[in-house]
Amino acid sequence: MKHRNPARYKVMDRATVLSIVNQAVDREGVRGAAKRGHTSPAQVSRFRRHPPQELRAQTFRWLMRLAPTMAARTMLEASVLTPEARARLQRRTDEWLRELANHTRHLLANWRDSAAIRDIVGIQTLAPLVRAIEDINPLGDLSPGLLFASWWRVIEPLVKGTPLGREWREMPREEVKAFIAAGIARERILLLRRPSPLLEAVRDHVRRKLLGLPPVPRTAQQLYRLTAQELYRLEKAKRSRARTR
């Protein structure tokens, strides 16, 4: 696993960064681009072959010198996270994970109320919330935690109530359903609808700090690095063992 240095620039859009280098090489050649960037031709060639995920400050400076226009420099700046931005993002990540864990603990502590409310509104009522979470988290690796936290925010006012308010068990079923529907609509508005550096940072943090693993493979073939024939033999052996039990 590669070490990540928070003192470096993190590349968020490698295609854009690489395109600036390639365009400079197309205009002036490798030597000309290296001269413009005040770096070596070997550095330019190495960058083109293996675009890094992180940049030293001096690397970012020569990339900025290669950008021919203000628009290109703006695109380059938007394609990376500065060390300061990475530090802010890490703080937000830590806060987000603490909040997620706190919501999950509250949900587990009130699981009876949660189950009862879910039975009243019907499990299908949660479908729009699940779809909204899948939209922002297509990999599915954070979906359970996101769903638990969102569901707790929906039911928390009902479960905790207010000193002068009604207890949710005394409310008509239609009012409970209307309350939950409004809470789910609110959550769908609050959920992010576009790629989020925060969500990517959370996913990366969870994978490295809690699991210590690379991204979860989607298939057995990816997990075991098997060929189709080897995967077939594995599945055949599993079925054979199941029949002998």
Protein backbone atom coordinates (compact mmCIF):
# COMPACT_ATOMS: atom_id res chain seq x y z
CA MET A 1 0.00 0.00 0.00
CA LYS A 2 1.45 3.37 -0.99
CA HIS A 3 2.11 5.95 1.70
CA ARG A 4 0.08 9.11 1.30
CA ASN A 5 1.83 12.35 2.14
CA PRO A 6 -0.59 15.11 3.28
CA ALA A 7 2.11 17.70 2.56
CA ARG A 8 1.75 17.03 -1.17
CA TYR A 9 -0.87 18.01 -3.70
CA LYS A 10 -3.42 15.24 -4.28
CA VAL A 11 -4.42 14.77 -7.93
CA MET A 12 -8.20 14.53 -8.26
CA ASP A 13 -8.40 14.63 -12.07
CA ARG A 14 -5.38 12.86 -13.58
CA ALA A 15 -6.72 13.16 -17.13
CA THR A 16 -6.75 16.96 -16.98
CA VAL A 17 -3.29 17.17 -15.43
CA LEU A 18 -1.86 14.76 -18.00
CA SER A 19 -3.53 16.60 -20.88
CA ILE A 20 -1.69 19.82 -19.96
CA VAL A 21 1.65 18.00 -20.15
CA ASN A 22 0.76 16.25 -23.41
CA GLN A 23 -0.39 19.48 -25.04
CA ALA A 24 2.87 21.17 -24.07
CA VAL A 25 4.85 18.26 -25.56
CA ASP A 26 2.75 18.38 -28.73
CA ARG A 27 3.51 22.10 -29.11
CA GLU A 28 7.18 22.16 -28.19
CA GLY A 29 8.43 18.60 -27.87
CA VAL A 30 9.72 16.99 -24.70
CA ARG A 31 12.83 19.18 -24.47
CA GLY A 32 10.89 22.36 -25.15
CA ALA A 33 8.25 21.51 -22.56
CA ALA A 34 10.97 20.69 -20.03
CA LYS A 35 12.69 24.01 -20.72
CA ARG A 36 9.43 25.92 -20.29
CA GLY A 37 8.69 24.12 -17.05
CA HIS A 38 12.26 24.54 -15.72
CA THR A 39 12.59 20.80 -15.26
CA SER A 40 14.35 17.92 -16.99
CA PRO A 41 13.17 16.05 -20.11
CA ALA A 42 13.39 12.81 -18.11
CA GLN A 43 10.96 14.23 -15.56
CA VAL A 44 8.48 15.17 -18.29
CA SER A 45 8.74 11.74 -19.93
CA ARG A 46 8.40 9.95 -16.61
CA PHE A 47 5.33 12.02 -15.75
CA ARG A 48 3.69 11.11 -19.06
CA ARG A 49 4.37 7.39 -18.59
CA HIS A 50 3.27 7.23 -14.96
CA PRO A 51 1.02 10.14 -13.94
CA PRO A 52 1.30 10.32 -10.13
CA GLN A 53 -1.53 10.47 -7.64
CA GLU A 54 0.33 13.04 -5.58
CA LEU A 55 2.54 15.97 -6.55
CA ARG A 56 5.42 17.69 -4.80
CA ALA A 57 5.20 21.46 -4.64
CA GLN A 58 8.00 21.85 -7.20
CA THR A 59 6.23 19.45 -9.58
CA PHE A 60 3.03 21.46 -9.32
CA ARG A 61 4.97 24.64 -10.06
CA TRP A 62 6.47 23.31 -13.29
CA LEU A 63 3.05 22.02 -14.32
CA MET A 64 1.67 25.52 -13.81
CA ARG A 65 4.43 26.90 -16.05
CA LEU A 66 3.38 24.46 -18.78
CA ALA A 67 -0.23 25.68 -18.74
CA PRO A 68 -0.39 28.15 -21.65
CA THR A 69 -3.40 30.20 -20.59
CA MET A 70 -5.13 31.42 -17.45
CA ALA A 71 -8.02 29.06 -18.22
CA ALA A 72 -5.61 26.10 -18.37
CA ARG A 73 -4.01 27.12 -15.06
CA THR A 74 -7.45 27.41 -13.50
CA MET A 75 -8.30 23.91 -14.74
CA LEU A 76 -5.04 22.61 -13.29
CA GLU A 77 -5.70 24.21 -9.92
CA ALA A 78 -9.19 22.70 -9.91
CA SER A 79 -7.72 19.25 -10.63
CA VAL A 80 -5.72 19.01 -7.42
CA LEU A 81 -6.16 19.42 -3.69
CA THR A 82 -3.56 21.63 -2.03
CA PRO A 83 -1.98 20.44 1.24
CA GLU A 84 -4.12 22.97 3.09
CA ALA A 85 -7.27 21.70 1.38
CA ARG A 86 -6.25 18.10 2.16
CA ALA A 87 -5.89 18.99 5.84
CA ARG A 88 -9.34 20.62 5.86
CA LEU A 89 -10.77 17.62 4.03
CA GLN A 90 -9.22 15.23 6.56
CA ARG A 91 -10.81 17.18 9.42
CA ARG A 92 -14.18 17.03 7.67
CA THR A 93 -13.66 13.30 7.07
CA ASP A 94 -12.96 12.68 10.75
CA GLU A 95 -16.02 14.71 11.76
CA TRP A 96 -18.19 12.91 9.21
CA LEU A 97 -17.10 9.48 10.43
CA ARG A 98 -17.69 10.44 14.06
CA GLU A 99 -21.17 11.67 13.17
CA LEU A 100 -21.86 8.51 11.19
CA ALA A 101 -20.77 6.32 14.11
CA ASN A 102 -22.85 8.42 16.52
CA HIS A 103 -26.00 8.09 14.38
CA THR A 104 -25.46 4.34 14.05
CA ARG A 105 -25.09 3.95 17.83
CA HIS A 106 -28.33 5.86 18.40
CA LEU A 107 -30.13 3.71 15.83
CA LEU A 108 -28.93 0.49 17.47
CA ALA A 109 -29.94 1.79 20.90
CA ASN A 110 -33.46 2.50 19.59
CA TRP A 111 -33.81 -0.43 17.23
CA ARG A 112 -37.22 -1.47 18.64
CA ASP A 113 -38.72 1.94 17.85
CA SER A 114 -37.00 1.91 14.46
CA ALA A 115 -38.45 -1.50 13.58
CA ALA A 116 -41.92 -0.51 14.75
CA ILE A 117 -41.90 2.70 12.70
CA ARG A 118 -40.60 0.82 9.66
CA ASP A 119 -43.45 -1.68 10.01
CA ILE A 120 -45.97 1.17 10.07
CA VAL A 121 -44.69 2.92 6.96
CA GLY A 122 -43.65 -0.24 5.07
CA ILE A 123 -40.17 -1.17 3.95
CA GLN A 124 -40.93 0.04 0.40
CA THR A 125 -41.10 3.60 1.77
CA LEU A 126 -37.33 3.54 2.13
CA ALA A 127 -36.79 2.83 -1.58
CA PRO A 128 -36.33 6.53 -2.60
CA LEU A 129 -33.76 6.95 0.17
CA VAL A 130 -31.87 3.83 -0.92
CA ARG A 131 -31.84 5.02 -4.54
CA ALA A 132 -30.51 8.45 -3.52
CA ILE A 133 -27.68 6.81 -1.58
CA GLU A 134 -26.87 4.51 -4.50
CA ASP A 135 -26.64 7.58 -6.77
CA ILE A 136 -23.89 9.15 -4.66
CA ASN A 137 -22.22 5.85 -3.72
CA PRO A 138 -22.37 3.57 -6.78
CA LEU A 139 -19.67 1.27 -5.38
CA GLY A 140 -21.96 0.40 -2.48
CA ASP A 141 -19.12 0.18 0.04
CA LEU A 142 -20.50 2.94 2.28
CA SER A 143 -24.20 2.38 1.59
CA PRO A 144 -25.13 0.56 4.84
CA GLY A 145 -23.60 3.27 7.02
CA LEU A 146 -25.12 6.05 4.94
CA LEU A 147 -28.53 4.40 5.07
CA PHE A 148 -28.40 3.82 8.83
CA ALA A 149 -27.38 7.42 9.48
CA SER A 150 -30.02 8.84 7.13
CA TRP A 151 -32.75 6.64 8.58
CA TRP A 152 -31.84 7.72 12.12
CA ARG A 153 -32.04 11.40 11.12
CA VAL A 154 -35.50 10.70 9.69
CA ILE A 155 -36.91 8.98 12.79
CA GLU A 156 -34.95 10.81 15.51
CA PRO A 157 -37.55 13.57 16.07
CA LEU A 158 -40.24 10.91 16.44
CA VAL A 159 -38.25 8.68 18.76
CA LYS A 160 -36.93 11.45 21.00
CA GLY A 161 -40.05 13.58 20.83
CA THR A 162 -40.42 16.90 22.67
CA PRO A 163 -41.44 17.62 26.28
CA LEU A 164 -44.83 18.99 25.23
CA GLY A 165 -45.29 16.92 22.08
CA ARG A 166 -47.16 13.70 21.48
CA GLU A 167 -45.54 10.31 21.77
CA TRP A 168 -45.28 8.77 18.33
CA ARG A 169 -47.17 5.61 19.39
CA GLU A 170 -50.21 7.80 20.09
CA MET A 171 -50.18 9.34 16.62
CA PRO A 172 -52.47 8.06 13.86
CA ARG A 173 -50.68 5.84 11.34
CA GLU A 174 -51.27 8.34 8.55
CA GLU A 175 -49.52 11.09 10.51
CA VAL A 176 -46.54 8.82 11.17
CA LYS A 177 -46.37 7.98 7.46
CA ALA A 178 -46.58 11.68 6.52
CA PHE A 179 -43.81 12.54 9.00
CA ILE A 180 -41.51 9.81 7.66
CA ALA A 181 -42.22 10.75 4.04
CA ALA A 182 -41.28 14.36 4.81
CA GLY A 183 -38.09 13.21 6.53
CA ILE A 184 -37.06 11.06 3.59
CA ALA A 185 -37.74 13.94 1.19
CA ARG A 186 -35.51 16.16 3.34
CA GLU A 187 -32.72 13.56 3.33
CA ARG A 188 -32.89 13.20 -0.45
CA ILE A 189 -32.44 16.97 -0.80
CA LEU A 190 -29.47 16.99 1.58
CA LEU A 191 -27.69 14.02 0.02
CA LEU A 192 -25.00 14.98 -2.46
CA ARG A 193 -25.91 14.53 -6.11
CA ARG A 194 -22.43 14.85 -7.66
CA PRO A 195 -18.95 13.42 -7.17
CA SER A 196 -17.74 14.59 -3.78
CA PRO A 197 -14.12 14.86 -2.59
CA LEU A 198 -15.47 14.34 0.93
CA LEU A 199 -17.13 11.05 0.03
CA GLU A 200 -13.99 9.89 -1.77
CA ALA A 201 -11.89 10.85 1.24
CA VAL A 202 -14.24 9.00 3.59
CA ARG A 203 -14.09 5.89 1.39
CA ASP A 204 -10.30 6.09 1.25
CA HIS A 205 -10.06 6.64 5.01
CA VAL A 206 -12.32 3.70 5.81
CA ARG A 207 -10.46 1.43 3.43
CA ARG A 208 -7.01 2.36 4.78
CA LYS A 209 -7.60 2.97 8.50
CA LEU A 210 -10.39 0.55 9.35
CA LEU A 211 -9.90 -2.20 6.83
CA GLY A 212 -6.34 -1.78 5.64
CA LEU A 213 -7.39 -3.22 2.30
CA PRO A 214 -7.61 -2.12 -1.33
CA PRO A 215 -11.09 -1.58 -2.84
CA VAL A 216 -13.42 -4.53 -2.39
CA PRO A 217 -13.45 -6.63 -5.60
CA ARG A 218 -16.83 -6.96 -7.28
CA THR A 219 -16.34 -10.53 -8.46
CA ALA A 220 -14.57 -13.69 -7.35
CA GLN A 221 -12.40 -13.47 -10.45
CA GLN A 222 -11.09 -10.07 -9.36
CA LEU A 223 -10.66 -11.27 -5.78
CA TYR A 224 -8.63 -14.36 -6.55
CA ARG A 225 -7.11 -13.18 -9.85
CA LEU A 226 -8.36 -16.40 -11.45
CA THR A 227 -8.73 -17.25 -15.09
CA ALA A 228 -12.15 -18.35 -16.34
CA GLN A 229 -11.03 -22.01 -16.28
CA GLU A 230 -9.68 -21.76 -12.73
CA LEU A 231 -12.86 -20.03 -11.58
CA TYR A 232 -14.95 -22.81 -13.15
CA ARG A 233 -12.91 -25.50 -11.33
CA LEU A 234 -13.30 -23.60 -8.05
CA GLU A 235 -17.09 -23.37 -8.40
CA LYS A 236 -17.27 -27.05 -9.44
CA ALA A 237 -15.31 -28.09 -6.35
CA LYS A 238 -17.58 -26.01 -4.12
CA ARG A 239 -20.70 -27.66 -5.56
CA SER A 240 -19.11 -31.10 -5.13
CA ARG A 241 -18.37 -30.42 -1.46
CA ALA A 242 -21.92 -29.15 -0.92
CA ARG A 243 -23.38 -32.39 -2.33
CA THR A 244 -21.26 -34.58 -0.06
CA ARG A 245 -22.36 -32.87 3.14
